[in-house]
Amino acid sequence: MMEVSRSGFYKWQQAVPSEQERRKAKVQERISYHFHDSQGRYGSPKITHMLWKEGLHISERTVSVYMKELELRSCASRKFKVQTTDSNHDLPLAPNVLNQKFTTAEPGKV
């Protein structure tokens, strides 16, 4: 009918990407964009949230699988710990005026 061989038709059919493959390529491109836009900090939960904002409804697990395929791995930063004391300095130390005697005759006087 179309004057095309059966093998030629199947070869042509495989060359055309399916709807699922096109969607996967689009999603992977957006995942890669968000990953590099965040300097490699965002993992699959945050990237999934960003994709949902764009209107691409996809599961976190799928995003994780796609990130593994693209060899994208977020860097886990350490929790910030406040350092309040720096004892390694050459500054003069305050004198111990009270000398562990905390009783006074008047308030505000030592």
PDB file of N, CA and C in Angstrom:
ATOM      1  N   MET A   1       0.817  -1.194   0.000  1.00  0.00           N
ATOM      2  CA  MET A   1       0.000   0.000   0.000  1.00  0.00           C
ATOM      3  C   MET A   1       0.866   1.266   0.000  1.00  0.00           C
ATOM      4  N   MET A   2       1.846   1.328   0.899  1.00  0.00           N
ATOM      5  CA  MET A   2       2.701   2.524   0.971  1.00  0.00           C
ATOM      6  C   MET A   2       3.999   2.314   0.214  1.00  0.00           C
ATOM      7  N   GLU A   3       4.169   1.119  -0.331  1.00  0.00           N
ATOM      8  CA  GLU A   3       5.351   0.756  -1.089  1.00  0.00           C
ATOM      9  C   GLU A   3       6.630   0.938  -0.280  1.00  0.00           C
ATOM     10  N   VAL A   4       6.577   0.484   0.966  1.00  0.00           N
ATOM     11  CA  VAL A   4       7.735   0.506   1.865  1.00  0.00           C
ATOM     12  C   VAL A   4       7.894  -0.898   2.404  1.00  0.00           C
ATOM     13  N   SER A   5       9.143  -1.351   2.511  1.00  0.00           N
ATOM     14  CA  SER A   5       9.362  -2.694   3.040  1.00  0.00           C
ATOM     15  C   SER A   5       9.052  -2.719   4.536  1.00  0.00           C
ATOM     16  N   ARG A   6       8.729  -3.888   5.010  1.00  0.00           N
ATOM     17  CA  ARG A   6       8.391  -4.042   6.426  1.00  0.00           C
ATOM     18  C   ARG A   6       9.584  -3.650   7.306  1.00  0.00           C
ATOM     19  N   SER A   7      10.787  -4.111   6.943  1.00  0.00           N
ATOM     20  CA  SER A   7      11.977  -3.796   7.742  1.00  0.00           C
ATOM     21  C   SER A   7      12.285  -2.298   7.692  1.00  0.00           C
ATOM     22  N   GLY A   8      12.044  -1.668   6.540  1.00  0.00           N
ATOM     23  CA  GLY A   8      12.255  -0.222   6.431  1.00  0.00           C
ATOM     24  C   GLY A   8      11.296   0.560   7.323  1.00  0.00           C
ATOM     25  N   PHE A   9      10.038   0.086   7.405  1.00  0.00           N
ATOM     26  CA  PHE A   9       9.058   0.744   8.266  1.00  0.00           C
ATOM     27  C   PHE A   9       9.451   0.635   9.731  1.00  0.00           C
ATOM     28  N   TYR A  10       9.871  -0.574  10.153  1.00  0.00           N
ATOM     29  CA  TYR A  10      10.245  -0.757  11.554  1.00  0.00           C
ATOM     30  C   TYR A  10      11.503   0.034  11.906  1.00  0.00           C
ATOM     31  N   LYS A  11      12.424   0.123  10.966  1.00  0.00           N
ATOM     32  CA  LYS A  11      13.634   0.921  11.195  1.00  0.00           C
ATOM     33  C   LYS A  11      13.256   2.389  11.345  1.00  0.00           C
ATOM     34  N   TRP A  12      12.367   2.868  10.518  1.00  0.00           N
ATOM     35  CA  TRP A  12      11.901   4.265  10.616  1.00  0.00           C
ATOM     36  C   TRP A  12      11.159   4.477  11.933  1.00  0.00           C
ATOM     37  N   GLN A  13      10.364   3.502  12.347  1.00  0.00           N
ATOM     38  CA  GLN A  13       9.586   3.625  13.580  1.00  0.00           C
ATOM     39  C   GLN A  13      10.498   3.703  14.801  1.00  0.00           C
ATOM     40  N   GLN A  14      11.596   2.979  14.806  1.00  0.00           N
ATOM     41  CA  GLN A  14      12.523   3.023  15.929  1.00  0.00           C
ATOM     42  C   GLN A  14      13.342   4.311  15.937  1.00  0.00           C
ATOM     43  N   ALA A  15      13.545   4.912  14.779  1.00  0.00           N
ATOM     44  CA  ALA A  15      14.328   6.147  14.695  1.00  0.00           C
ATOM     45  C   ALA A  15      13.556   7.334  15.263  1.00  0.00           C
ATOM     46  N   VAL A  16      12.242   7.283  15.199  1.00  0.00           N
ATOM     47  CA  VAL A  16      11.414   8.361  15.727  1.00  0.00           C
ATOM     48  C   VAL A  16      11.249   8.137  17.232  1.00  0.00           C
ATOM     49  N   PRO A  17      11.661   9.107  18.054  1.00  0.00           N
ATOM     50  CA  PRO A  17      11.515   8.902  19.501  1.00  0.00           C
ATOM     51  C   PRO A  17      10.044   8.907  19.909  1.00  0.00           C
ATOM     52  N   SER A  18       9.721   8.044  20.845  1.00  0.00           N
ATOM     53  CA  SER A  18       8.344   7.956  21.314  1.00  0.00           C
ATOM     54  C   SER A  18       8.023   9.142  22.210  1.00  0.00           C
ATOM     55  N   GLU A  19       6.764   9.297  22.527  1.00  0.00           N
ATOM     56  CA  GLU A  19       6.317  10.392  23.408  1.00  0.00           C
ATOM     57  C   GLU A  19       6.975  10.280  24.780  1.00  0.00           C
ATOM     58  N   GLN A  20       7.100   9.049  25.266  1.00  0.00           N
ATOM     59  CA  GLN A  20       7.716   8.823  26.574  1.00  0.00           C
ATOM     60  C   GLN A  20       9.195   9.222  26.558  1.00  0.00           C
ATOM     61  N   GLU A  21       9.910   8.894  25.488  1.00  0.00           N
ATOM     62  CA  GLU A  21      11.323   9.256  25.384  1.00  0.00           C
ATOM     63  C   GLU A  21      11.504  10.767  25.284  1.00  0.00           C
ATOM     64  N   ARG A  22      10.595  11.433  24.551  1.00  0.00           N
ATOM     65  CA  ARG A  22      10.679  12.898  24.447  1.00  0.00           C
ATOM     66  C   ARG A  22      10.415  13.556  25.792  1.00  0.00           C
ATOM     67  N   ARG A  23       9.430  13.029  26.532  1.00  0.00           N
ATOM     68  CA  ARG A  23       9.139  13.582  27.863  1.00  0.00           C
ATOM     69  C   ARG A  23      10.316  13.357  28.807  1.00  0.00           C
ATOM     70  N   LYS A  24      10.917  12.165  28.741  1.00  0.00           N
ATOM     71  CA  LYS A  24      12.064  11.859  29.593  1.00  0.00           C
ATOM     72  C   LYS A  24      13.229  12.793  29.276  1.00  0.00           C
ATOM     73  N   ALA A  25      13.496  13.039  28.004  1.00  0.00           N
ATOM     74  CA  ALA A  25      14.582  13.936  27.614  1.00  0.00           C
ATOM     75  C   ALA A  25      14.313  15.354  28.113  1.00  0.00           C
ATOM     76  N   LYS A  26      13.051  15.801  28.037  1.00  0.00           N
ATOM     77  CA  LYS A  26      12.688  17.138  28.512  1.00  0.00           C
ATOM     78  C   LYS A  26      12.875  17.245  30.024  1.00  0.00           C
ATOM     79  N   VAL A  27      12.427  16.218  30.742  1.00  0.00           N
ATOM     80  CA  VAL A  27      12.546  16.219  32.205  1.00  0.00           C
ATOM     81  C   VAL A  27      14.022  16.175  32.609  1.00  0.00           C
ATOM     82  N   GLN A  28      14.817  15.350  31.947  1.00  0.00           N
ATOM     83  CA  GLN A  28      16.240  15.273  32.266  1.00  0.00           C
ATOM     84  C   GLN A  28      16.951  16.598  31.994  1.00  0.00           C
ATOM     85  N   GLU A  29      16.533  17.276  30.963  1.00  0.00           N
ATOM     86  CA  GLU A  29      17.131  18.586  30.661  1.00  0.00           C
ATOM     87  C   GLU A  29      16.803  19.590  31.759  1.00  0.00           C
ATOM     88  N   ARG A  30      15.565  19.576  32.252  1.00  0.00           N
ATOM     89  CA  ARG A  30      15.166  20.489  33.333  1.00  0.00           C
ATOM     90  C   ARG A  30      15.845  20.113  34.652  1.00  0.00           C
ATOM     91  N   ILE A  31      16.010  18.814  34.913  1.00  0.00           N
ATOM     92  CA  ILE A  31      16.716  18.367  36.114  1.00  0.00           C
ATOM     93  C   ILE A  31      18.158  18.864  36.078  1.00  0.00           C
ATOM     94  N   SER A  32      18.799  18.687  34.942  1.00  0.00           N
ATOM     95  CA  SER A  32      20.184  19.137  34.791  1.00  0.00           C
ATOM     96  C   SER A  32      20.284  20.653  34.971  1.00  0.00           C
ATOM     97  N   TYR A  33      19.307  21.393  34.436  1.00  0.00           N
ATOM     98  CA  TYR A  33      19.305  22.848  34.577  1.00  0.00           C
ATOM     99  C   TYR A  33      19.217  23.253  36.053  1.00  0.00           C
ATOM    100  N   HIS A  34      18.247  22.687  36.781  1.00  0.00           N
ATOM    101  CA  HIS A  34      18.066  23.047  38.191  1.00  0.00           C
ATOM    102  C   HIS A  34      19.263  22.619  39.037  1.00  0.00           C
ATOM    103  N   PHE A  35      19.863  21.483  38.712  1.00  0.00           N
ATOM    104  CA  PHE A  35      21.023  21.008  39.460  1.00  0.00           C
ATOM    105  C   PHE A  35      22.192  21.970  39.296  1.00  0.00           C
ATOM    106  N   HIS A  36      22.484  22.353  38.061  1.00  0.00           N
ATOM    107  CA  HIS A  36      23.618  23.247  37.817  1.00  0.00           C
ATOM    108  C   HIS A  36      23.305  24.685  38.243  1.00  0.00           C
ATOM    109  N   ASP A  37      22.046  25.062  38.212  1.00  0.00           N
ATOM    110  CA  ASP A  37      21.645  26.397  38.665  1.00  0.00           C
ATOM    111  C   ASP A  37      21.862  26.553  40.173  1.00  0.00           C
ATOM    112  N   SER A  38      21.764  25.471  40.919  1.00  0.00           N
ATOM    113  CA  SER A  38      21.962  25.512  42.374  1.00  0.00           C
ATOM    114  C   SER A  38      23.400  25.160  42.755  1.00  0.00           C
ATOM    115  N   GLN A  39      24.328  25.195  41.815  1.00  0.00           N
ATOM    116  CA  GLN A  39      25.733  24.842  42.022  1.00  0.00           C
ATOM    117  C   GLN A  39      25.884  23.431  42.600  1.00  0.00           C
ATOM    118  N   GLY A  40      25.007  22.530  42.218  1.00  0.00           N
ATOM    119  CA  GLY A  40      25.112  21.140  42.635  1.00  0.00           C
ATOM    120  C   GLY A  40      24.645  20.874  44.053  1.00  0.00           C
ATOM    121  N   ARG A  41      23.882  21.796  44.634  1.00  0.00           N
ATOM    122  CA  ARG A  41      23.432  21.632  46.016  1.00  0.00           C
ATOM    123  C   ARG A  41      22.094  20.922  46.118  1.00  0.00           C
ATOM    124  N   TYR A  42      21.227  21.088  45.131  1.00  0.00           N
ATOM    125  CA  TYR A  42      19.883  20.527  45.217  1.00  0.00           C
ATOM    126  C   TYR A  42      19.896  19.039  44.913  1.00  0.00           C
ATOM    127  N   GLY A  43      19.182  18.273  45.738  1.00  0.00           N
ATOM    128  CA  GLY A  43      18.995  16.853  45.500  1.00  0.00           C
ATOM    129  C   GLY A  43      17.629  16.611  44.891  1.00  0.00           C
ATOM    130  N   SER A  44      17.220  15.362  44.855  1.00  0.00           N
ATOM    131  CA  SER A  44      15.961  15.026  44.197  1.00  0.00           C
ATOM    132  C   SER A  44      14.732  15.646  44.867  1.00  0.00           C
ATOM    133  N   PRO A  45      14.662  15.811  46.211  1.00  0.00           N
ATOM    134  CA  PRO A  45      13.463  16.427  46.781  1.00  0.00           C
ATOM    135  C   PRO A  45      13.242  17.865  46.325  1.00  0.00           C
ATOM    136  N   LYS A  46      14.303  18.665  46.349  1.00  0.00           N
ATOM    137  CA  LYS A  46      14.150  20.067  45.954  1.00  0.00           C
ATOM    138  C   LYS A  46      13.934  20.209  44.453  1.00  0.00           C
ATOM    139  N   ILE A  47      14.624  19.393  43.671  1.00  0.00           N
ATOM    140  CA  ILE A  47      14.438  19.457  42.221  1.00  0.00           C
ATOM    141  C   ILE A  47      13.023  19.027  41.857  1.00  0.00           C
ATOM    142  N   THR A  48      12.491  18.021  42.555  1.00  0.00           N
ATOM    143  CA  THR A  48      11.104  17.600  42.324  1.00  0.00           C
ATOM    144  C   THR A  48      10.153  18.756  42.609  1.00  0.00           C
ATOM    145  N   HIS A  49      10.409  19.471  43.697  1.00  0.00           N
ATOM    146  CA  HIS A  49       9.570  20.624  44.042  1.00  0.00           C
ATOM    147  C   HIS A  49       9.641  21.693  42.954  1.00  0.00           C
ATOM    148  N   MET A  50      10.834  21.948  42.430  1.00  0.00           N
ATOM    149  CA  MET A  50      10.991  22.940  41.362  1.00  0.00           C
ATOM    150  C   MET A  50      10.251  22.501  40.086  1.00  0.00           C
ATOM    151  N   LEU A  51      10.307  21.205  39.777  1.00  0.00           N
ATOM    152  CA  LEU A  51       9.610  20.707  38.593  1.00  0.00           C
ATOM    153  C   LEU A  51       8.099  20.804  38.766  1.00  0.00           C
ATOM    154  N   TRP A  52       7.611  20.562  39.992  1.00  0.00           N
ATOM    155  CA  TRP A  52       6.174  20.708  40.249  1.00  0.00           C
ATOM    156  C   TRP A  52       5.752  22.157  40.052  1.00  0.00           C
ATOM    157  N   LYS A  53       6.607  23.111  40.434  1.00  0.00           N
ATOM    158  CA  LYS A  53       6.300  24.536  40.223  1.00  0.00           C
ATOM    159  C   LYS A  53       6.195  24.851  38.733  1.00  0.00           C
ATOM    160  N   GLU A  54       7.002  24.155  37.913  1.00  0.00           N
ATOM    161  CA  GLU A  54       6.977  24.368  36.467  1.00  0.00           C
ATOM    162  C   GLU A  54       5.803  23.660  35.802  1.00  0.00           C
ATOM    163  N   GLY A  55       5.128  22.780  36.529  1.00  0.00           N
ATOM    164  CA  GLY A  55       3.997  22.068  35.958  1.00  0.00           C
ATOM    165  C   GLY A  55       4.329  20.665  35.500  1.00  0.00           C
ATOM    166  N   LEU A  56       5.558  20.197  35.756  1.00  0.00           N
ATOM    167  CA  LEU A  56       5.943  18.827  35.416  1.00  0.00           C
ATOM    168  C   LEU A  56       5.698  17.963  36.650  1.00  0.00           C
ATOM    169  N   HIS A  57       4.611  17.207  36.646  1.00  0.00           N
ATOM    170  CA  HIS A  57       4.259  16.374  37.792  1.00  0.00           C
ATOM    171  C   HIS A  57       4.983  15.040  37.663  1.00  0.00           C
ATOM    172  N   ILE A  58       5.979  14.872  38.516  1.00  0.00           N
ATOM    173  CA  ILE A  58       6.849  13.706  38.468  1.00  0.00           C
ATOM    174  C   ILE A  58       7.187  13.329  39.905  1.00  0.00           C
ATOM    175  N   SER A  59       7.425  12.056  40.153  1.00  0.00           N
ATOM    176  CA  SER A  59       7.700  11.625  41.521  1.00  0.00           C
ATOM    177  C   SER A  59       9.169  11.862  41.872  1.00  0.00           C
ATOM    178  N   GLU A  60       9.412  11.945  43.167  1.00  0.00           N
ATOM    179  CA  GLU A  60      10.773  12.154  43.661  1.00  0.00           C
ATOM    180  C   GLU A  60      11.660  10.963  43.307  1.00  0.00           C
ATOM    181  N   ARG A  61      11.082   9.792  43.327  1.00  0.00           N
ATOM    182  CA  ARG A  61      11.832   8.579  42.984  1.00  0.00           C
ATOM    183  C   ARG A  61      12.294   8.620  41.527  1.00  0.00           C
ATOM    184  N   THR A  62      11.435   9.054  40.632  1.00  0.00           N
ATOM    185  CA  THR A  62      11.798   9.152  39.216  1.00  0.00           C
ATOM    186  C   THR A  62      12.901  10.168  39.018  1.00  0.00           C
ATOM    187  N   VAL A  63      12.805  11.306  39.716  1.00  0.00           N
ATOM    188  CA  VAL A  63      13.855  12.324  39.627  1.00  0.00           C
ATOM    189  C   VAL A  63      15.174  11.739  40.117  1.00  0.00           C
ATOM    190  N   SER A  64      15.122  10.951  41.186  1.00  0.00           N
ATOM    191  CA  SER A  64      16.324  10.318  41.719  1.00  0.00           C
ATOM    192  C   SER A  64      16.946   9.368  40.699  1.00  0.00           C
ATOM    193  N   VAL A  65      16.115   8.586  40.032  1.00  0.00           N
ATOM    194  CA  VAL A  65      16.607   7.640  39.018  1.00  0.00           C
ATOM    195  C   VAL A  65      17.223   8.398  37.848  1.00  0.00           C
ATOM    196  N   TYR A  66      16.571   9.461  37.399  1.00  0.00           N
ATOM    197  CA  TYR A  66      17.101  10.258  36.296  1.00  0.00           C
ATOM    198  C   TYR A  66      18.416  10.925  36.680  1.00  0.00           C
ATOM    199  N   MET A  67      18.526  11.382  37.938  1.00  0.00           N
ATOM    200  CA  MET A  67      19.779  12.004  38.377  1.00  0.00           C
ATOM    201  C   MET A  67      20.912  10.986  38.388  1.00  0.00           C
ATOM    202  N   LYS A  68      20.612   9.730  38.755  1.00  0.00           N
ATOM    203  CA  LYS A  68      21.640   8.691  38.712  1.00  0.00           C
ATOM    204  C   LYS A  68      22.068   8.426  37.275  1.00  0.00           C
ATOM    205  N   GLU A  69      21.118   8.415  36.349  1.00  0.00           N
ATOM    206  CA  GLU A  69      21.443   8.197  34.941  1.00  0.00           C
ATOM    207  C   GLU A  69      22.320   9.322  34.401  1.00  0.00           C
ATOM    208  N   LEU A  70      22.056  10.546  34.852  1.00  0.00           N
ATOM    209  CA  LEU A  70      22.837  11.706  34.413  1.00  0.00           C
ATOM    210  C   LEU A  70      24.119  11.888  35.218  1.00  0.00           C
ATOM    211  N   GLU A  71      24.326  11.009  36.205  1.00  0.00           N
ATOM    212  CA  GLU A  71      25.483  11.065  37.102  1.00  0.00           C
ATOM    213  C   GLU A  71      25.559  12.406  37.833  1.00  0.00           C
ATOM    214  N   LEU A  72      24.406  12.845  38.343  1.00  0.00           N
ATOM    215  CA  LEU A  72      24.323  14.071  39.138  1.00  0.00           C
ATOM    216  C   LEU A  72      24.110  13.679  40.586  1.00  0.00           C
ATOM    217  N   ARG A  73      24.966  14.180  41.443  1.00  0.00           N
ATOM    218  CA  ARG A  73      24.830  13.884  42.869  1.00  0.00           C
ATOM    219  C   ARG A  73      25.056  15.176  43.635  1.00  0.00           C
ATOM    220  N   SER A  74      24.108  15.498  44.498  1.00  0.00           N
ATOM    221  CA  SER A  74      24.214  16.741  45.257  1.00  0.00           C
ATOM    222  C   SER A  74      25.233  16.582  46.370  1.00  0.00           C
ATOM    223  N   CYS A  75      25.851  17.704  46.708  1.00  0.00           N
ATOM    224  CA  CYS A  75      26.808  17.680  47.813  1.00  0.00           C
ATOM    225  C   CYS A  75      26.042  17.961  49.098  1.00  0.00           C
ATOM    226  N   ALA A  76      26.221  17.113  50.073  1.00  0.00           N
ATOM    227  CA  ALA A  76      25.550  17.292  51.357  1.00  0.00           C
ATOM    228  C   ALA A  76      26.416  18.193  52.222  1.00  0.00           C
ATOM    229  N   SER A  77      25.876  19.340  52.583  1.00  0.00           N
ATOM    230  CA  SER A  77      26.647  20.265  53.402  1.00  0.00           C
ATOM    231  C   SER A  77      26.485  19.902  54.866  1.00  0.00           C
ATOM    232  N   ARG A  78      27.509  20.205  55.638  1.00  0.00           N
ATOM    233  CA  ARG A  78      27.448  19.927  57.065  1.00  0.00           C
ATOM    234  C   ARG A  78      26.572  20.944  57.755  1.00  0.00           C
ATOM    235  N   LYS A  79      26.024  20.539  58.873  1.00  0.00           N
ATOM    236  CA  LYS A  79      25.193  21.428  59.646  1.00  0.00           C
ATOM    237  C   LYS A  79      26.063  22.533  60.230  1.00  0.00           C
ATOM    238  N   PHE A  80      25.568  23.765  60.207  1.00  0.00           N
ATOM    239  CA  PHE A  80      26.337  24.896  60.705  1.00  0.00           C
ATOM    240  C   PHE A  80      26.426  24.830  62.217  1.00  0.00           C
ATOM    241  N   LYS A  81      27.641  24.904  62.732  1.00  0.00           N
ATOM    242  CA  LYS A  81      27.854  24.872  64.167  1.00  0.00           C
ATOM    243  C   LYS A  81      28.485  26.196  64.576  1.00  0.00           C
ATOM    244  N   VAL A  82      27.857  26.887  65.513  1.00  0.00           N
ATOM    245  CA  VAL A  82      28.345  28.175  65.967  1.00  0.00           C
ATOM    246  C   VAL A  82      29.564  27.964  66.854  1.00  0.00           C
ATOM    247  N   GLN A  83      30.633  28.693  66.545  1.00  0.00           N
ATOM    248  CA  GLN A  83      31.827  28.636  67.376  1.00  0.00           C
ATOM    249  C   GLN A  83      31.912  29.956  68.127  1.00  0.00           C
ATOM    250  N   THR A  84      31.736  29.912  69.431  1.00  0.00           N
ATOM    251  CA  THR A  84      31.659  31.143  70.219  1.00  0.00           C
ATOM    252  C   THR A  84      32.959  31.494  70.915  1.00  0.00           C
ATOM    253  N   THR A  85      33.827  30.541  71.157  1.00  0.00           N
ATOM    254  CA  THR A  85      35.050  30.808  71.895  1.00  0.00           C
ATOM    255  C   THR A  85      36.254  30.467  71.044  1.00  0.00           C
ATOM    256  N   ASP A  86      37.203  31.410  71.003  1.00  0.00           N
ATOM    257  CA  ASP A  86      38.463  31.177  70.315  1.00  0.00           C
ATOM    258  C   ASP A  86      39.572  31.384  71.343  1.00  0.00           C
ATOM    259  N   SER A  87      40.071  30.299  71.899  1.00  0.00           N
ATOM    260  CA  SER A  87      41.089  30.393  72.943  1.00  0.00           C
ATOM    261  C   SER A  87      42.489  30.522  72.377  1.00  0.00           C
ATOM    262  N   ASN A  88      42.651  30.320  71.111  1.00  0.00           N
ATOM    263  CA  ASN A  88      43.979  30.402  70.491  1.00  0.00           C
ATOM    264  C   ASN A  88      44.218  31.815  69.971  1.00  0.00           C
ATOM    265  N   HIS A  89      44.588  32.729  70.868  1.00  0.00           N
ATOM    266  CA  HIS A  89      44.897  34.099  70.461  1.00  0.00           C
ATOM    267  C   HIS A  89      45.984  34.655  71.372  1.00  0.00           C
ATOM    268  N   ASP A  90      46.599  35.736  70.912  1.00  0.00           N
ATOM    269  CA  ASP A  90      47.673  36.383  71.659  1.00  0.00           C
ATOM    270  C   ASP A  90      47.210  37.663  72.333  1.00  0.00           C
ATOM    271  N   LEU A  91      45.931  37.855  72.483  1.00  0.00           N
ATOM    272  CA  LEU A  91      45.401  39.071  73.093  1.00  0.00           C
ATOM    273  C   LEU A  91      45.513  38.981  74.614  1.00  0.00           C
ATOM    274  N   PRO A  92      45.599  40.136  75.303  1.00  0.00           N
ATOM    275  CA  PRO A  92      45.712  40.088  76.770  1.00  0.00           C
ATOM    276  C   PRO A  92      44.420  39.583  77.401  1.00  0.00           C
ATOM    277  N   LEU A  93      44.563  38.868  78.512  1.00  0.00           N
ATOM    278  CA  LEU A  93      43.428  38.327  79.237  1.00  0.00           C
ATOM    279  C   LEU A  93      42.966  39.323  80.287  1.00  0.00           C
ATOM    280  N   ALA A  94      41.677  39.364  80.554  1.00  0.00           N
ATOM    281  CA  ALA A  94      41.133  40.260  81.576  1.00  0.00           C
ATOM    282  C   ALA A  94      41.532  39.750  82.954  1.00  0.00           C
ATOM    283  N   PRO A  95      41.866  40.666  83.866  1.00  0.00           N
ATOM    284  CA  PRO A  95      42.273  40.219  85.205  1.00  0.00           C
ATOM    285  C   PRO A  95      41.086  39.656  85.986  1.00  0.00           C
ATOM    286  N   ASN A  96      41.345  38.735  86.886  1.00  0.00           N
ATOM    287  CA  ASN A  96      40.318  38.125  87.723  1.00  0.00           C
ATOM    288  C   ASN A  96      40.122  39.014  88.947  1.00  0.00           C
ATOM    289  N   VAL A  97      39.231  39.994  88.837  1.00  0.00           N
ATOM    290  CA  VAL A  97      39.018  40.978  89.887  1.00  0.00           C
ATOM    291  C   VAL A  97      38.305  40.348  91.086  1.00  0.00           C
ATOM    292  N   LEU A  98      37.316  39.529  90.876  1.00  0.00           N
ATOM    293  CA  LEU A  98      36.544  38.954  91.973  1.00  0.00           C
ATOM    294  C   LEU A  98      37.316  37.887  92.744  1.00  0.00           C
ATOM    295  N   ASN A  99      38.171  37.169  92.082  1.00  0.00           N
ATOM    296  CA  ASN A  99      38.957  36.112  92.701  1.00  0.00           C
ATOM    297  C   ASN A  99      38.056  35.130  93.457  1.00  0.00           C
ATOM    298  N   GLN A 100      36.916  34.767  92.851  1.00  0.00           N
ATOM    299  CA  GLN A 100      35.937  33.816  93.368  1.00  0.00           C
ATOM    300  C   GLN A 100      35.270  34.266  94.660  1.00  0.00           C
ATOM    301  N   LYS A 101      35.290  35.573  94.977  1.00  0.00           N
ATOM    302  CA  LYS A 101      34.600  36.115  96.164  1.00  0.00           C
ATOM    303  C   LYS A 101      33.408  36.912  95.654  1.00  0.00           C
ATOM    304  N   PHE A 102      32.230  36.318  95.683  1.00  0.00           N
ATOM    305  CA  PHE A 102      31.074  36.918  95.062  1.00  0.00           C
ATOM    306  C   PHE A 102      30.205  37.715  96.041  1.00  0.00           C
ATOM    307  N   THR A 103      30.556  37.792  97.281  1.00  0.00           N
ATOM    308  CA  THR A 103      29.781  38.590  98.250  1.00  0.00           C
ATOM    309  C   THR A 103      30.286  40.021  98.235  1.00  0.00           C
ATOM    310  N   THR A 104      29.355  40.985  98.252  1.00  0.00           N
ATOM    311  CA  THR A 104      29.719  42.394  98.230  1.00  0.00           C
ATOM    312  C   THR A 104      28.939  43.136  99.299  1.00  0.00           C
ATOM    313  N   ALA A 105      29.424  44.323  99.660  1.00  0.00           N
ATOM    314  CA  ALA A 105      28.754  45.160 100.679  1.00  0.00           C
ATOM    315  C   ALA A 105      27.595  45.906 100.073  1.00  0.00           C
ATOM    316  N   GLU A 106      27.744  46.389  98.846  1.00  0.00           N
ATOM    317  CA  GLU A 106      26.709  47.153  98.154  1.00  0.00           C
ATOM    318  C   GLU A 106      26.471  46.579  96.766  1.00  0.00           C
ATOM    319  N   PRO A 107      25.277  46.767  96.238  1.00  0.00           N
ATOM    320  CA  PRO A 107      25.047  46.323  94.857  1.00  0.00           C
ATOM    321  C   PRO A 107      25.889  47.156  93.884  1.00  0.00           C
ATOM    322  N   GLY A 108      26.467  46.537  92.893  1.00  0.00           N
ATOM    323  CA  GLY A 108      27.233  47.228  91.864  1.00  0.00           C
ATOM    324  C   GLY A 108      28.637  47.575  92.304  1.00  0.00           C
ATOM    325  N   LYS A 109      29.101  47.124  93.431  1.00  0.00           N
ATOM    326  CA  LYS A 109      30.463  47.407  93.929  1.00  0.00           C
ATOM    327  C   LYS A 109      31.171  46.096  94.183  1.00  0.00           C
ATOM    328  N   VAL A 110      32.433  46.066  93.866  1.00  0.00           N
ATOM    329  CA  VAL A 110      33.252  44.889  94.154  1.00  0.00           C
ATOM    330  C   VAL A 110      34.377  45.327  95.062  1.00  0.00           C
TER     331      VAL A 110
END
